[in-house]
Amino acid sequence: MIPLSLASYFGVGPITEHLLPNYIEGIDAAKIYSLGSIFMVYFGPTMIIPIVRRNIPLMIGYVFALVMLWMLGLVFVQEGYGIEGVAWARFIATGFLCVFSLAYSYYLTTLDIKP
């Protein structure tokens, strides 16, 4: 995930400038999104959650991250950060969800669950 995210971060500028010059103003936001995609590493470890049927805390984490994304996005846009503010809001919310999901998955793997 990290190599792909870094390749995207460094490649999005030249590719956009060459192929999509009308979208040059979005390069900074795309770079933030590229860095934020590193947080997607949580997808793999969270596969344990539905297996042990402990979904409720994860769903609460998703709702909290979604509310965080909307609130931060609104604040950042109102403060004049524009599309980069929305990208930063997503970066922060995805980072929270990553840390929460990994910690919860780790917690579940330490339990001695009996059928």
PDB file of N, CA and C in Angstrom:
ATOM      1  N   MET A   1       0.818  -1.190   0.000  1.00  0.00           N
ATOM      2  CA  MET A   1       0.000   0.000   0.000  1.00  0.00           C
ATOM      3  C   MET A   1       0.867   1.261   0.000  1.00  0.00           C
ATOM      4  N   ILE A   2       1.908   1.243   0.795  1.00  0.00           N
ATOM      5  CA  ILE A   2       2.755   2.423   0.897  1.00  0.00           C
ATOM      6  C   ILE A   2       3.435   2.756  -0.437  1.00  0.00           C
ATOM      7  N   PRO A   3       4.018   1.780  -1.137  1.00  0.00           N
ATOM      8  CA  PRO A   3       4.631   2.125  -2.426  1.00  0.00           C
ATOM      9  C   PRO A   3       3.630   2.685  -3.444  1.00  0.00           C
ATOM     10  N   LEU A   4       2.431   2.116  -3.474  1.00  0.00           N
ATOM     11  CA  LEU A   4       1.420   2.629  -4.406  1.00  0.00           C
ATOM     12  C   LEU A   4       0.981   4.040  -4.032  1.00  0.00           C
ATOM     13  N   SER A   5       0.834   4.281  -2.752  1.00  0.00           N
ATOM     14  CA  SER A   5       0.445   5.616  -2.302  1.00  0.00           C
ATOM     15  C   SER A   5       1.519   6.650  -2.642  1.00  0.00           C
ATOM     16  N   LEU A   6       2.767   6.291  -2.415  1.00  0.00           N
ATOM     17  CA  LEU A   6       3.859   7.215  -2.725  1.00  0.00           C
ATOM     18  C   LEU A   6       4.008   7.424  -4.227  1.00  0.00           C
ATOM     19  N   ALA A   7       3.814   6.359  -5.007  1.00  0.00           N
ATOM     20  CA  ALA A   7       3.869   6.504  -6.466  1.00  0.00           C
ATOM     21  C   ALA A   7       2.753   7.431  -6.943  1.00  0.00           C
ATOM     22  N   SER A   8       1.580   7.282  -6.348  1.00  0.00           N
ATOM     23  CA  SER A   8       0.467   8.159  -6.691  1.00  0.00           C
ATOM     24  C   SER A   8       0.773   9.600  -6.299  1.00  0.00           C
ATOM     25  N   TYR A   9       1.357   9.776  -5.109  1.00  0.00           N
ATOM     26  CA  TYR A   9       1.682  11.119  -4.631  1.00  0.00           C
ATOM     27  C   TYR A   9       2.629  11.833  -5.596  1.00  0.00           C
ATOM     28  N   PHE A  10       3.684  11.144  -6.003  1.00  0.00           N
ATOM     29  CA  PHE A  10       4.673  11.772  -6.874  1.00  0.00           C
ATOM     30  C   PHE A  10       4.258  11.787  -8.341  1.00  0.00           C
ATOM     31  N   GLY A  11       3.356  10.897  -8.726  1.00  0.00           N
ATOM     32  CA  GLY A  11       2.963  10.818 -10.126  1.00  0.00           C
ATOM     33  C   GLY A  11       1.758  11.643 -10.520  1.00  0.00           C
ATOM     34  N   VAL A  12       0.935  12.002  -9.538  1.00  0.00           N
ATOM     35  CA  VAL A  12      -0.316  12.691  -9.878  1.00  0.00           C
ATOM     36  C   VAL A  12      -0.069  14.064 -10.506  1.00  0.00           C
ATOM     37  N   GLY A  13       0.950  14.760 -10.070  1.00  0.00           N
ATOM     38  CA  GLY A  13       1.239  16.085 -10.627  1.00  0.00           C
ATOM     39  C   GLY A  13       1.626  16.036 -12.096  1.00  0.00           C
ATOM     40  N   PRO A  14       2.696  15.301 -12.438  1.00  0.00           N
ATOM     41  CA  PRO A  14       3.093  15.246 -13.845  1.00  0.00           C
ATOM     42  C   PRO A  14       2.024  14.647 -14.764  1.00  0.00           C
ATOM     43  N   ILE A  15       1.328  13.628 -14.285  1.00  0.00           N
ATOM     44  CA  ILE A  15       0.294  13.007 -15.111  1.00  0.00           C
ATOM     45  C   ILE A  15      -0.843  13.985 -15.366  1.00  0.00           C
ATOM     46  N   THR A  16      -1.269  14.680 -14.328  1.00  0.00           N
ATOM     47  CA  THR A  16      -2.354  15.651 -14.477  1.00  0.00           C
ATOM     48  C   THR A  16      -1.937  16.799 -15.380  1.00  0.00           C
ATOM     49  N   GLU A  17      -0.733  17.313 -15.174  1.00  0.00           N
ATOM     50  CA  GLU A  17      -0.254  18.416 -16.012  1.00  0.00           C
ATOM     51  C   GLU A  17      -0.177  18.018 -17.475  1.00  0.00           C
ATOM     52  N   HIS A  18       0.168  16.775 -17.731  1.00  0.00           N
ATOM     53  CA  HIS A  18       0.324  16.317 -19.117  1.00  0.00           C
ATOM     54  C   HIS A  18      -1.007  15.928 -19.755  1.00  0.00           C
ATOM     55  N   LEU A  19      -1.840  15.172 -19.036  1.00  0.00           N
ATOM     56  CA  LEU A  19      -3.059  14.633 -19.625  1.00  0.00           C
ATOM     57  C   LEU A  19      -4.319  15.440 -19.327  1.00  0.00           C
ATOM     58  N   LEU A  20      -4.376  16.099 -18.186  1.00  0.00           N
ATOM     59  CA  LEU A  20      -5.586  16.809 -17.776  1.00  0.00           C
ATOM     60  C   LEU A  20      -5.250  18.219 -17.296  1.00  0.00           C
ATOM     61  N   PRO A  21      -4.750  19.067 -18.159  1.00  0.00           N
ATOM     62  CA  PRO A  21      -4.296  20.390 -17.715  1.00  0.00           C
ATOM     63  C   PRO A  21      -5.394  21.263 -17.103  1.00  0.00           C
ATOM     64  N   ASN A  22      -6.653  20.975 -17.386  1.00  0.00           N
ATOM     65  CA  ASN A  22      -7.737  21.755 -16.783  1.00  0.00           C
ATOM     66  C   ASN A  22      -7.910  21.473 -15.294  1.00  0.00           C
ATOM     67  N   TYR A  23      -7.276  20.417 -14.811  1.00  0.00           N
ATOM     68  CA  TYR A  23      -7.437  20.008 -13.419  1.00  0.00           C
ATOM     69  C   TYR A  23      -6.184  20.255 -12.580  1.00  0.00           C
ATOM     70  N   ILE A  24      -5.299  21.104 -13.047  1.00  0.00           N
ATOM     71  CA  ILE A  24      -4.048  21.377 -12.335  1.00  0.00           C
ATOM     72  C   ILE A  24      -4.305  21.915 -10.924  1.00  0.00           C
ATOM     73  N   GLU A  25      -5.361  22.688 -10.745  1.00  0.00           N
ATOM     74  CA  GLU A  25      -5.651  23.248  -9.416  1.00  0.00           C
ATOM     75  C   GLU A  25      -5.999  22.181  -8.388  1.00  0.00           C
ATOM     76  N   GLY A  26      -6.362  20.997  -8.818  1.00  0.00           N
ATOM     77  CA  GLY A  26      -6.707  19.920  -7.892  1.00  0.00           C
ATOM     78  C   GLY A  26      -5.543  19.026  -7.513  1.00  0.00           C
ATOM     79  N   ILE A  27      -4.347  19.325  -8.014  1.00  0.00           N
ATOM     80  CA  ILE A  27      -3.192  18.472  -7.745  1.00  0.00           C
ATOM     81  C   ILE A  27      -2.880  18.401  -6.243  1.00  0.00           C
ATOM     82  N   ASP A  28      -2.926  19.529  -5.562  1.00  0.00           N
ATOM     83  CA  ASP A  28      -2.618  19.518  -4.123  1.00  0.00           C
ATOM     84  C   ASP A  28      -3.596  18.634  -3.354  1.00  0.00           C
ATOM     85  N   ALA A  29      -4.879  18.718  -3.680  1.00  0.00           N
ATOM     86  CA  ALA A  29      -5.869  17.864  -3.012  1.00  0.00           C
ATOM     87  C   ALA A  29      -5.632  16.399  -3.357  1.00  0.00           C
ATOM     88  N   ALA A  30      -5.279  16.125  -4.596  1.00  0.00           N
ATOM     89  CA  ALA A  30      -5.004  14.747  -4.995  1.00  0.00           C
ATOM     90  C   ALA A  30      -3.794  14.189  -4.253  1.00  0.00           C
ATOM     91  N   LYS A  31      -2.811  15.024  -3.998  1.00  0.00           N
ATOM     92  CA  LYS A  31      -1.642  14.568  -3.237  1.00  0.00           C
ATOM     93  C   LYS A  31      -2.022  14.234  -1.796  1.00  0.00           C
ATOM     94  N   ILE A  32      -2.898  15.023  -1.212  1.00  0.00           N
ATOM     95  CA  ILE A  32      -3.361  14.746   0.153  1.00  0.00           C
ATOM     96  C   ILE A  32      -4.128  13.416   0.173  1.00  0.00           C
ATOM     97  N   TYR A  33      -4.994  13.220  -0.821  1.00  0.00           N
ATOM     98  CA  TYR A  33      -5.730  11.960  -0.922  1.00  0.00           C
ATOM     99  C   TYR A  33      -4.767  10.788  -1.094  1.00  0.00           C
ATOM    100  N   SER A  34      -3.714  10.988  -1.879  1.00  0.00           N
ATOM    101  CA  SER A  34      -2.728   9.927  -2.100  1.00  0.00           C
ATOM    102  C   SER A  34      -2.046   9.533  -0.794  1.00  0.00           C
ATOM    103  N   LEU A  35      -1.653  10.514  -0.013  1.00  0.00           N
ATOM    104  CA  LEU A  35      -1.031  10.212   1.280  1.00  0.00           C
ATOM    105  C   LEU A  35      -2.028   9.546   2.224  1.00  0.00           C
ATOM    106  N   GLY A  36      -3.266  10.000   2.175  1.00  0.00           N
ATOM    107  CA  GLY A  36      -4.300   9.423   3.034  1.00  0.00           C
ATOM    108  C   GLY A  36      -4.619   7.978   2.686  1.00  0.00           C
ATOM    109  N   SER A  37      -4.341   7.585   1.453  1.00  0.00           N
ATOM    110  CA  SER A  37      -4.634   6.202   1.075  1.00  0.00           C
ATOM    111  C   SER A  37      -3.724   5.209   1.792  1.00  0.00           C
ATOM    112  N   ILE A  38      -2.644   5.678   2.368  1.00  0.00           N
ATOM    113  CA  ILE A  38      -1.785   4.799   3.176  1.00  0.00           C
ATOM    114  C   ILE A  38      -2.586   4.226   4.341  1.00  0.00           C
ATOM    115  N   PHE A  39      -3.544   4.982   4.852  1.00  0.00           N
ATOM    116  CA  PHE A  39      -4.355   4.533   5.982  1.00  0.00           C
ATOM    117  C   PHE A  39      -5.276   3.364   5.632  1.00  0.00           C
ATOM    118  N   MET A  40      -5.397   3.037   4.361  1.00  0.00           N
ATOM    119  CA  MET A  40      -6.283   1.944   3.961  1.00  0.00           C
ATOM    120  C   MET A  40      -5.727   0.567   4.325  1.00  0.00           C
ATOM    121  N   VAL A  41      -4.582   0.531   4.980  1.00  0.00           N
ATOM    122  CA  VAL A  41      -4.003  -0.750   5.388  1.00  0.00           C
ATOM    123  C   VAL A  41      -4.890  -1.474   6.394  1.00  0.00           C
ATOM    124  N   TYR A  42      -5.858  -0.788   6.954  1.00  0.00           N
ATOM    125  CA  TYR A  42      -6.699  -1.421   7.961  1.00  0.00           C
ATOM    126  C   TYR A  42      -7.689  -2.415   7.371  1.00  0.00           C
ATOM    127  N   PHE A  43      -7.905  -2.395   6.065  1.00  0.00           N
ATOM    128  CA  PHE A  43      -8.894  -3.292   5.465  1.00  0.00           C
ATOM    129  C   PHE A  43      -8.595  -4.765   5.730  1.00  0.00           C
ATOM    130  N   GLY A  44      -7.357  -5.171   5.592  1.00  0.00           N
ATOM    131  CA  GLY A  44      -7.005  -6.576   5.786  1.00  0.00           C
ATOM    132  C   GLY A  44      -7.244  -7.080   7.199  1.00  0.00           C
ATOM    133  N   PRO A  45      -6.654  -6.438   8.196  1.00  0.00           N
ATOM    134  CA  PRO A  45      -6.828  -6.929   9.571  1.00  0.00           C
ATOM    135  C   PRO A  45      -8.268  -6.900  10.076  1.00  0.00           C
ATOM    136  N   THR A  46      -9.109  -6.055   9.520  1.00  0.00           N
ATOM    137  CA  THR A  46     -10.481  -5.981  10.018  1.00  0.00           C
ATOM    138  C   THR A  46     -11.343  -7.155   9.558  1.00  0.00           C
ATOM    139  N   MET A  47     -10.802  -8.059   8.765  1.00  0.00           N
ATOM    140  CA  MET A  47     -11.576  -9.224   8.338  1.00  0.00           C
ATOM    141  C   MET A  47     -11.929 -10.138   9.511  1.00  0.00           C
ATOM    142  N   ILE A  48     -11.223  -9.991  10.616  1.00  0.00           N
ATOM    143  CA  ILE A  48     -11.533 -10.805  11.789  1.00  0.00           C
ATOM    144  C   ILE A  48     -12.855 -10.373  12.436  1.00  0.00           C
ATOM    145  N   ILE A  49     -13.227  -9.123  12.257  1.00  0.00           N
ATOM    146  CA  ILE A  49     -14.383  -8.569  12.975  1.00  0.00           C
ATOM    147  C   ILE A  49     -15.689  -9.279  12.613  1.00  0.00           C
ATOM    148  N   PRO A  50     -16.043  -9.429  11.334  1.00  0.00           N
ATOM    149  CA  PRO A  50     -17.289 -10.167  11.064  1.00  0.00           C
ATOM    150  C   PRO A  50     -17.181 -11.661  11.390  1.00  0.00           C
ATOM    151  N   ILE A  51     -15.963 -12.189  11.365  1.00  0.00           N
ATOM    152  CA  ILE A  51     -15.787 -13.611  11.667  1.00  0.00           C
ATOM    153  C   ILE A  51     -16.147 -13.900  13.120  1.00  0.00           C
ATOM    154  N   VAL A  52     -15.739 -13.020  14.031  1.00  0.00           N
ATOM    155  CA  VAL A  52     -16.050 -13.229  15.442  1.00  0.00           C
ATOM    156  C   VAL A  52     -17.350 -12.540  15.850  1.00  0.00           C
ATOM    157  N   ARG A  53     -18.031 -11.952  14.882  1.00  0.00           N
ATOM    158  CA  ARG A  53     -19.348 -11.322  15.082  1.00  0.00           C
ATOM    159  C   ARG A  53     -19.333 -10.236  16.154  1.00  0.00           C
ATOM    160  N   ARG A  54     -18.361  -9.333  16.020  1.00  0.00           N
ATOM    161  CA  ARG A  54     -18.262  -8.190  16.935  1.00  0.00           C
ATOM    162  C   ARG A  54     -18.284  -6.895  16.117  1.00  0.00           C
ATOM    163  N   ASN A  55     -19.323  -6.725  15.307  1.00  0.00           N
ATOM    164  CA  ASN A  55     -19.409  -5.626  14.348  1.00  0.00           C
ATOM    165  C   ASN A  55     -19.814  -4.284  14.953  1.00  0.00           C
ATOM    166  N   ILE A  56     -20.542  -4.276  16.027  1.00  0.00           N
ATOM    167  CA  ILE A  56     -21.131  -3.041  16.542  1.00  0.00           C
ATOM    168  C   ILE A  56     -20.078  -1.956  16.829  1.00  0.00           C
ATOM    169  N   PRO A  57     -18.997  -2.248  17.542  1.00  0.00           N
ATOM    170  CA  PRO A  57     -18.003  -1.185  17.761  1.00  0.00           C
ATOM    171  C   PRO A  57     -17.414  -0.642  16.458  1.00  0.00           C
ATOM    172  N   LEU A  58     -17.212  -1.515  15.482  1.00  0.00           N
ATOM    173  CA  LEU A  58     -16.680  -1.050  14.204  1.00  0.00           C
ATOM    174  C   LEU A  58     -17.689  -0.139  13.503  1.00  0.00           C
ATOM    175  N   MET A  59     -18.949  -0.499  13.547  1.00  0.00           N
ATOM    176  CA  MET A  59     -19.972   0.355  12.930  1.00  0.00           C
ATOM    177  C   MET A  59     -20.034   1.717  13.617  1.00  0.00           C
ATOM    178  N   ILE A  60     -19.890   1.731  14.930  1.00  0.00           N
ATOM    179  CA  ILE A  60     -19.850   3.004  15.665  1.00  0.00           C
ATOM    180  C   ILE A  60     -18.631   3.806  15.234  1.00  0.00           C
ATOM    181  N   GLY A  61     -17.500   3.141  15.048  1.00  0.00           N
ATOM    182  CA  GLY A  61     -16.296   3.815  14.562  1.00  0.00           C
ATOM    183  C   GLY A  61     -16.502   4.418  13.179  1.00  0.00           C
ATOM    184  N   TYR A  62     -17.185   3.677  12.290  1.00  0.00           N
ATOM    185  CA  TYR A  62     -17.480   4.199  10.957  1.00  0.00           C
ATOM    186  C   TYR A  62     -18.378   5.439  11.029  1.00  0.00           C
ATOM    187  N   VAL A  63     -19.406   5.372  11.861  1.00  0.00           N
ATOM    188  CA  VAL A  63     -20.312   6.522  12.001  1.00  0.00           C
ATOM    189  C   VAL A  63     -19.550   7.724  12.561  1.00  0.00           C
ATOM    190  N   PHE A  64     -18.722   7.490  13.569  1.00  0.00           N
ATOM    191  CA  PHE A  64     -17.935   8.570  14.152  1.00  0.00           C
ATOM    192  C   PHE A  64     -16.998   9.185  13.109  1.00  0.00           C
ATOM    193  N   ALA A  65     -16.337   8.339  12.310  1.00  0.00           N
ATOM    194  CA  ALA A  65     -15.435   8.843  11.262  1.00  0.00           C
ATOM    195  C   ALA A  65     -16.206   9.632  10.205  1.00  0.00           C
ATOM    196  N   LEU A  66     -17.397   9.174   9.864  1.00  0.00           N
ATOM    197  CA  LEU A  66     -18.212   9.884   8.881  1.00  0.00           C
ATOM    198  C   LEU A  66     -18.655  11.250   9.397  1.00  0.00           C
ATOM    199  N   VAL A  67     -19.083  11.295  10.650  1.00  0.00           N
ATOM    200  CA  VAL A  67     -19.469  12.573  11.259  1.00  0.00           C
ATOM    201  C   VAL A  67     -18.251  13.494  11.341  1.00  0.00           C
ATOM    202  N   MET A  68     -17.110  12.936  11.725  1.00  0.00           N
ATOM    203  CA  MET A  68     -15.873  13.710  11.791  1.00  0.00           C
ATOM    204  C   MET A  68     -15.522  14.279  10.418  1.00  0.00           C
ATOM    205  N   LEU A  69     -15.647  13.449   9.380  1.00  0.00           N
ATOM    206  CA  LEU A  69     -15.360  13.898   8.016  1.00  0.00           C
ATOM    207  C   LEU A  69     -16.250  15.061   7.611  1.00  0.00           C
ATOM    208  N   TRP A  70     -17.544  14.939   7.847  1.00  0.00           N
ATOM    209  CA  TRP A  70     -18.468  16.003   7.474  1.00  0.00           C
ATOM    210  C   TRP A  70     -18.229  17.283   8.266  1.00  0.00           C
ATOM    211  N   MET A  71     -18.019  17.140   9.561  1.00  0.00           N
ATOM    212  CA  MET A  71     -17.819  18.332  10.393  1.00  0.00           C
ATOM    213  C   MET A  71     -16.509  19.041  10.050  1.00  0.00           C
ATOM    214  N   LEU A  72     -15.430  18.277   9.948  1.00  0.00           N
ATOM    215  CA  LEU A  72     -14.149  18.887   9.599  1.00  0.00           C
ATOM    216  C   LEU A  72     -14.178  19.473   8.194  1.00  0.00           C
ATOM    217  N   GLY A  73     -14.812  18.762   7.269  1.00  0.00           N
ATOM    218  CA  GLY A  73     -14.934  19.275   5.908  1.00  0.00           C
ATOM    219  C   GLY A  73     -15.664  20.600   5.880  1.00  0.00           C
ATOM    220  N   LEU A  74     -16.748  20.677   6.618  1.00  0.00           N
ATOM    221  CA  LEU A  74     -17.512  21.923   6.677  1.00  0.00           C
ATOM    222  C   LEU A  74     -16.685  23.052   7.276  1.00  0.00           C
ATOM    223  N   VAL A  75     -16.005  22.771   8.387  1.00  0.00           N
ATOM    224  CA  VAL A  75     -15.184  23.791   9.041  1.00  0.00           C
ATOM    225  C   VAL A  75     -14.052  24.237   8.128  1.00  0.00           C
ATOM    226  N   PHE A  76     -13.350  23.285   7.521  1.00  0.00           N
ATOM    227  CA  PHE A  76     -12.215  23.636   6.664  1.00  0.00           C
ATOM    228  C   PHE A  76     -12.649  24.431   5.436  1.00  0.00           C
ATOM    229  N   VAL A  77     -13.781  24.083   4.851  1.00  0.00           N
ATOM    230  CA  VAL A  77     -14.269  24.835   3.689  1.00  0.00           C
ATOM    231  C   VAL A  77     -14.692  26.238   4.113  1.00  0.00           C
ATOM    232  N   GLN A  78     -15.373  26.355   5.249  1.00  0.00           N
ATOM    233  CA  GLN A  78     -15.774  27.676   5.728  1.00  0.00           C
ATOM    234  C   GLN A  78     -14.576  28.544   6.076  1.00  0.00           C
ATOM    235  N   GLU A  79     -13.473  27.918   6.471  1.00  0.00           N
ATOM    236  CA  GLU A  79     -12.253  28.666   6.781  1.00  0.00           C
ATOM    237  C   GLU A  79     -11.467  29.031   5.524  1.00  0.00           C
ATOM    238  N   GLY A  80     -11.954  28.622   4.363  1.00  0.00           N
ATOM    239  CA  GLY A  80     -11.333  29.020   3.114  1.00  0.00           C
ATOM    240  C   GLY A  80     -10.310  28.055   2.540  1.00  0.00           C
ATOM    241  N   TYR A  81     -10.266  26.815   3.044  1.00  0.00           N
ATOM    242  CA  TYR A  81      -9.294  25.851   2.538  1.00  0.00           C
ATOM    243  C   TYR A  81      -9.750  25.156   1.257  1.00  0.00           C
ATOM    244  N   GLY A  82     -11.020  25.291   0.922  1.00  0.00           N
ATOM    245  CA  GLY A  82     -11.531  24.732  -0.329  1.00  0.00           C
ATOM    246  C   GLY A  82     -11.418  23.223  -0.399  1.00  0.00           C
ATOM    247  N   ILE A  83     -11.103  22.747  -1.593  1.00  0.00           N
ATOM    248  CA  ILE A  83     -11.040  21.304  -1.810  1.00  0.00           C
ATOM    249  C   ILE A  83      -9.907  20.660  -1.022  1.00  0.00           C
ATOM    250  N   GLU A  84      -8.846  21.408  -0.756  1.00  0.00           N
ATOM    251  CA  GLU A  84      -7.770  20.874   0.075  1.00  0.00           C
ATOM    252  C   GLU A  84      -8.253  20.639   1.505  1.00  0.00           C
ATOM    253  N   GLY A  85      -9.159  21.479   1.979  1.00  0.00           N
ATOM    254  CA  GLY A  85      -9.740  21.286   3.309  1.00  0.00           C
ATOM    255  C   GLY A  85     -10.537  20.003   3.396  1.00  0.00           C
ATOM    256  N   VAL A  86     -11.289  19.708   2.338  1.00  0.00           N
ATOM    257  CA  VAL A  86     -12.043  18.453   2.300  1.00  0.00           C
ATOM    258  C   VAL A  86     -11.080  17.271   2.274  1.00  0.00           C
ATOM    259  N   ALA A  87      -9.994  17.409   1.526  1.00  0.00           N
ATOM    260  CA  ALA A  87      -9.000  16.341   1.478  1.00  0.00           C
ATOM    261  C   ALA A  87      -8.360  16.125   2.850  1.00  0.00           C
ATOM    262  N   TRP A  88      -8.051  17.206   3.551  1.00  0.00           N
ATOM    263  CA  TRP A  88      -7.485  17.073   4.903  1.00  0.00           C
ATOM    264  C   TRP A  88      -8.494  16.460   5.862  1.00  0.00           C
ATOM    265  N   ALA A  89      -9.770  16.815   5.719  1.00  0.00           N
ATOM    266  CA  ALA A  89     -10.806  16.231   6.569  1.00  0.00           C
ATOM    267  C   ALA A  89     -10.871  14.724   6.352  1.00  0.00           C
ATOM    268  N   ARG A  90     -10.806  14.302   5.100  1.00  0.00           N
ATOM    269  CA  ARG A  90     -10.809  12.870   4.788  1.00  0.00           C
ATOM    270  C   ARG A  90      -9.554  12.203   5.345  1.00  0.00           C
ATOM    271  N   PHE A  91      -8.412  12.860   5.206  1.00  0.00           N
ATOM    272  CA  PHE A  91      -7.152  12.333   5.720  1.00  0.00           C
ATOM    273  C   PHE A  91      -7.266  12.059   7.221  1.00  0.00           C
ATOM    274  N   ILE A  92      -7.791  13.021   7.960  1.00  0.00           N
ATOM    275  CA  ILE A  92      -7.911  12.893   9.415  1.00  0.00           C
ATOM    276  C   ILE A  92      -8.921  11.807   9.784  1.00  0.00           C
ATOM    277  N   ALA A  93     -10.084  11.788   9.131  1.00  0.00           N
ATOM    278  CA  ALA A  93     -11.113  10.797   9.441  1.00  0.00           C
ATOM    279  C   ALA A  93     -10.650   9.389   9.087  1.00  0.00           C
ATOM    280  N   THR A  94      -9.971   9.238   7.967  1.00  0.00           N
ATOM    281  CA  THR A  94      -9.465   7.930   7.582  1.00  0.00           C
ATOM    282  C   THR A  94      -8.352   7.484   8.520  1.00  0.00           C
ATOM    283  N   GLY A  95      -7.523   8.415   8.964  1.00  0.00           N
ATOM    284  CA  GLY A  95      -6.486   8.093   9.937  1.00  0.00           C
ATOM    285  C   GLY A  95      -7.090   7.599  11.243  1.00  0.00           C
ATOM    286  N   PHE A  96      -8.138   8.281  11.701  1.00  0.00           N
ATOM    287  CA  PHE A  96      -8.829   7.832  12.915  1.00  0.00           C
ATOM    288  C   PHE A  96      -9.368   6.423  12.726  1.00  0.00           C
ATOM    289  N   LEU A  97     -10.061   6.203  11.598  1.00  0.00           N
ATOM    290  CA  LEU A  97     -10.663   4.900  11.345  1.00  0.00           C
ATOM    291  C   LEU A  97      -9.596   3.807  11.254  1.00  0.00           C
ATOM    292  N   CYS A  98      -8.469   4.126  10.678  1.00  0.00           N
ATOM    293  CA  CYS A  98      -7.364   3.171  10.583  1.00  0.00           C
ATOM    294  C   CYS A  98      -6.869   2.779  11.976  1.00  0.00           C
ATOM    295  N   VAL A  99      -6.572   3.757  12.797  1.00  0.00           N
ATOM    296  CA  VAL A  99      -6.054   3.480  14.141  1.00  0.00           C
ATOM    297  C   VAL A  99      -7.096   2.722  14.967  1.00  0.00           C
ATOM    298  N   PHE A 100      -8.344   3.164  14.894  1.00  0.00           N
ATOM    299  CA  PHE A 100      -9.412   2.493  15.646  1.00  0.00           C
ATOM    300  C   PHE A 100      -9.571   1.049  15.190  1.00  0.00           C
ATOM    301  N   SER A 101      -9.625   0.829  13.892  1.00  0.00           N
ATOM    302  CA  SER A 101      -9.844  -0.518  13.355  1.00  0.00           C
ATOM    303  C   SER A 101      -8.693  -1.453  13.673  1.00  0.00           C
ATOM    304  N   LEU A 102      -7.477  -0.960  13.539  1.00  0.00           N
ATOM    305  CA  LEU A 102      -6.327  -1.798  13.860  1.00  0.00           C
ATOM    306  C   LEU A 102      -6.277  -2.137  15.346  1.00  0.00           C
ATOM    307  N   ALA A 103      -6.559  -1.146  16.189  1.00  0.00           N
ATOM    308  CA  ALA A 103      -6.560  -1.396  17.633  1.00  0.00           C
ATOM    309  C   ALA A 103      -7.675  -2.378  18.007  1.00  0.00           C
ATOM    310  N   TYR A 104      -8.847  -2.215  17.425  1.00  0.00           N
ATOM    311  CA  TYR A 104      -9.967  -3.117  17.724  1.00  0.00           C
ATOM    312  C   TYR A 104      -9.677  -4.528  17.208  1.00  0.00           C
ATOM    313  N   SER A 105      -9.116  -4.634  16.032  1.00  0.00           N
ATOM    314  CA  SER A 105      -8.751  -5.949  15.493  1.00  0.00           C
ATOM    315  C   SER A 105      -7.713  -6.625  16.383  1.00  0.00           C
ATOM    316  N   TYR A 106      -6.734  -5.854  16.818  1.00  0.00           N
ATOM    317  CA  TYR A 106      -5.723  -6.412  17.719  1.00  0.00           C
ATOM    318  C   TYR A 106      -6.368  -6.885  19.019  1.00  0.00           C
ATOM    319  N   TYR A 107      -7.268  -6.075  19.556  1.00  0.00           N
ATOM    320  CA  TYR A 107      -7.976  -6.449  20.778  1.00  0.00           C
ATOM    321  C   TYR A 107      -8.720  -7.762  20.589  1.00  0.00           C
ATOM    322  N   LEU A 108      -9.409  -7.903  19.463  1.00  0.00           N
ATOM    323  CA  LEU A 108     -10.173  -9.116  19.216  1.00  0.00           C
ATOM    324  C   LEU A 108      -9.276 -10.342  19.066  1.00  0.00           C
ATOM    325  N   THR A 109      -8.079 -10.157  18.552  1.00  0.00           N
ATOM    326  CA  THR A 109      -7.180 -11.310  18.412  1.00  0.00           C
ATOM    327  C   THR A 109      -6.559 -11.726  19.734  1.00  0.00           C
ATOM    328  N   THR A 110      -6.650 -10.873  20.737  1.00  0.00           N
ATOM    329  CA  THR A 110      -6.104 -11.242  22.050  1.00  0.00           C
ATOM    330  C   THR A 110      -7.139 -11.916  22.948  1.00  0.00           C
ATOM    331  N   LEU A 111      -8.404 -11.902  22.544  1.00  0.00           N
ATOM    332  CA  LEU A 111      -9.461 -12.518  23.360  1.00  0.00           C
ATOM    333  C   LEU A 111      -9.421 -14.030  23.220  1.00  0.00           C
ATOM    334  N   ASP A 112      -9.838 -14.699  24.272  1.00  0.00           N
ATOM    335  CA  ASP A 112      -9.978 -16.147  24.243  1.00  0.00           C
ATOM    336  C   ASP A 112     -11.468 -16.437  24.054  1.00  0.00           C
ATOM    337  N   ILE A 113     -11.894 -16.481  22.797  1.00  0.00           N
ATOM    338  CA  ILE A 113     -13.316 -16.633  22.475  1.00  0.00           C
ATOM    339  C   ILE A 113     -13.661 -18.112  22.375  1.00  0.00           C
ATOM    340  N   LYS A 114     -14.659 -18.511  23.137  1.00  0.00           N
ATOM    341  CA  LYS A 114     -15.142 -19.898  23.107  1.00  0.00           C
ATOM    342  C   LYS A 114     -16.448 -19.937  22.314  1.00  0.00           C
ATOM    343  N   PRO A 115     -16.616 -20.956  21.462  1.00  0.00           N
ATOM    344  CA  PRO A 115     -17.884 -21.046  20.701  1.00  0.00           C
ATOM    345  C   PRO A 115     -19.065 -21.390  21.556  1.00  0.00           C
TER     346      PRO A 115
END
